[in-house]
Amino acid sequence: MGLWNLPLSNPKRLLADGTVIGFGWQLQVKGASFAHGVTFGGNLPTPSEEKAIFWRALCHYFVDITPDEGLEDLAESAVDLLNFYFEPFAKASLPPTKSEVVEAKVQSTYERPVLDIAEE
């Protein structure tokens, strides 16, 4: 089985301590050249670090293969993800809100009318 067939959920360690290995790719577009490189060396990354490195490199590759027409949508989606993942930290720093109990008494009830929605 080739390395490209390894399941993503169960990666195998390919490096030994002290090994330096890297990979990279380039993309030529009109007016610019983009180059990406990933180098592993020295200490081995932990399994969780390896997984993060894999996903980070894959995301860079996805950006490179996205057609020009999709780059704005890709950027908007990335901003949404950043807002989502950084939002909990912002909320955690807010002071706790004051809550109070309000007693209520039911006065009367009624049956809600059927909502009729016409399909076109």
Protein backbone atom coordinates (compact mmCIF):
# COMPACT_ATOMS: atom_id res chain seq x y z
CA MET A 1 0.00 0.00 0.00
CA GLY A 2 1.41 3.42 -0.98
CA LEU A 3 1.65 6.28 1.49
CA TRP A 4 -1.17 8.08 -0.33
CA ASN A 5 -3.54 5.31 0.76
CA LEU A 6 -2.93 5.67 4.50
CA PRO A 7 -6.18 6.48 6.31
CA LEU A 8 -6.23 10.05 7.62
CA SER A 9 -7.66 8.98 10.98
CA ASN A 10 -4.78 6.58 11.73
CA PRO A 11 -1.52 8.12 10.50
CA LYS A 12 1.74 6.17 10.85
CA ARG A 13 4.95 7.80 12.12
CA LEU A 14 7.30 8.20 9.20
CA LEU A 15 10.15 10.05 10.93
CA ALA A 16 12.73 9.14 13.55
CA ASP A 17 14.20 11.62 16.04
CA GLY A 18 16.82 13.84 14.40
CA THR A 19 15.51 13.30 10.86
CA VAL A 20 14.93 16.39 8.77
CA ILE A 21 12.43 16.10 5.94
CA GLY A 22 10.42 18.60 3.99
CA PHE A 23 8.10 19.08 1.07
CA GLY A 24 6.80 22.02 -0.87
CA TRP A 25 5.01 23.22 -3.95
CA GLN A 26 4.78 26.31 -6.11
CA LEU A 27 1.96 27.97 -7.98
CA GLN A 28 2.48 30.36 -10.87
CA VAL A 29 -0.30 32.85 -11.53
CA LYS A 30 -0.26 35.84 -13.82
CA GLY A 31 1.89 38.46 -12.11
CA ALA A 32 2.90 36.37 -9.06
CA SER A 33 4.49 33.18 -7.87
CA PHE A 34 3.41 31.47 -4.65
CA ALA A 35 5.62 28.95 -2.86
CA HIS A 36 4.82 26.84 0.17
CA GLY A 37 7.24 24.69 2.12
CA VAL A 38 6.90 22.48 5.18
CA THR A 39 9.99 21.21 7.00
CA PHE A 40 10.11 18.73 9.86
CA GLY A 41 13.31 18.47 11.80
CA GLY A 42 14.94 18.02 15.16
CA ASN A 43 12.28 16.79 17.57
CA LEU A 44 9.38 14.74 16.34
CA PRO A 45 6.00 16.44 16.53
CA THR A 46 3.40 14.82 18.77
CA PRO A 47 0.53 13.00 17.01
CA SER A 48 -1.78 15.98 17.59
CA GLU A 49 0.88 18.35 16.19
CA GLU A 50 1.33 16.07 13.17
CA LYS A 51 -2.41 16.20 12.53
CA ALA A 52 -2.45 20.02 12.79
CA ILE A 53 0.52 20.27 10.40
CA PHE A 54 -1.26 18.01 7.90
CA TRP A 55 -4.50 20.06 7.98
CA ARG A 56 -2.62 23.38 7.78
CA ALA A 57 -0.66 22.22 4.71
CA LEU A 58 -3.83 20.83 3.12
CA CYS A 59 -5.63 24.16 3.63
CA HIS A 60 -2.76 26.01 1.92
CA TYR A 61 -3.07 23.57 -0.98
CA PHE A 62 -6.85 24.13 -1.19
CA VAL A 63 -6.26 27.89 -1.45
CA ASP A 64 -3.80 27.31 -4.28
CA ILE A 65 -6.17 25.13 -6.33
CA THR A 66 -9.23 27.36 -5.83
CA PRO A 67 -10.14 29.15 -9.08
CA ASP A 68 -9.91 32.95 -9.04
CA GLU A 69 -13.71 33.21 -9.04
CA GLY A 70 -13.91 31.35 -5.73
CA LEU A 71 -11.21 33.19 -3.77
CA GLU A 72 -13.53 35.85 -2.35
CA ASP A 73 -15.97 33.17 -1.13
CA LEU A 74 -13.06 31.21 0.32
CA ALA A 75 -11.83 34.29 2.20
CA GLU A 76 -15.33 35.02 3.56
CA SER A 77 -15.65 31.42 4.76
CA ALA A 78 -12.23 31.64 6.41
CA VAL A 79 -13.25 34.84 8.23
CA ASP A 80 -16.43 33.11 9.45
CA LEU A 81 -14.35 30.21 10.78
CA LEU A 82 -11.90 32.54 12.50
CA ASN A 83 -14.76 34.43 14.13
CA PHE A 84 -16.28 31.15 15.28
CA TYR A 85 -13.06 29.78 16.79
CA PHE A 86 -11.95 33.04 18.41
CA GLU A 87 -15.42 34.03 19.67
CA PRO A 88 -15.42 31.73 22.75
CA PHE A 89 -12.30 33.49 24.04
CA ALA A 90 -13.98 36.89 23.74
CA LYS A 91 -17.12 35.67 25.52
CA ALA A 92 -15.12 34.09 28.33
CA SER A 93 -13.60 37.45 29.24
CA LEU A 94 -16.97 39.17 29.69
CA PRO A 95 -18.22 39.67 33.25
CA PRO A 96 -21.04 37.33 34.32
CA THR A 97 -24.55 38.61 33.68
CA LYS A 98 -26.99 39.18 36.51
CA SER A 99 -29.99 36.89 36.43
CA GLU A 100 -33.18 37.35 38.34
CA VAL A 101 -36.32 35.28 38.72
CA VAL A 102 -39.61 36.85 37.68
CA GLU A 103 -42.81 35.22 38.86
CA ALA A 104 -45.71 35.08 36.42
CA LYS A 105 -49.30 33.94 36.61
CA VAL A 106 -51.14 32.50 33.58
CA GLN A 107 -54.30 34.57 33.01
CA SER A 108 -55.86 32.88 30.01
CA THR A 109 -55.00 30.51 27.17
CA TYR A 110 -56.19 30.21 23.61
CA GLU A 111 -55.69 27.84 20.68
CA ARG A 112 -53.36 29.18 18.05
CA PRO A 113 -54.95 29.37 14.57
CA VAL A 114 -53.57 27.18 11.80
CA LEU A 115 -50.94 28.93 9.70
CA ASP A 116 -51.84 28.43 6.06
CA ILE A 117 -48.88 28.76 3.70
CA ALA A 118 -49.61 28.59 -0.01
CA GLU A 119 -46.92 26.88 -2.08
CA GLU A 120 -46.17 28.29 -5.48
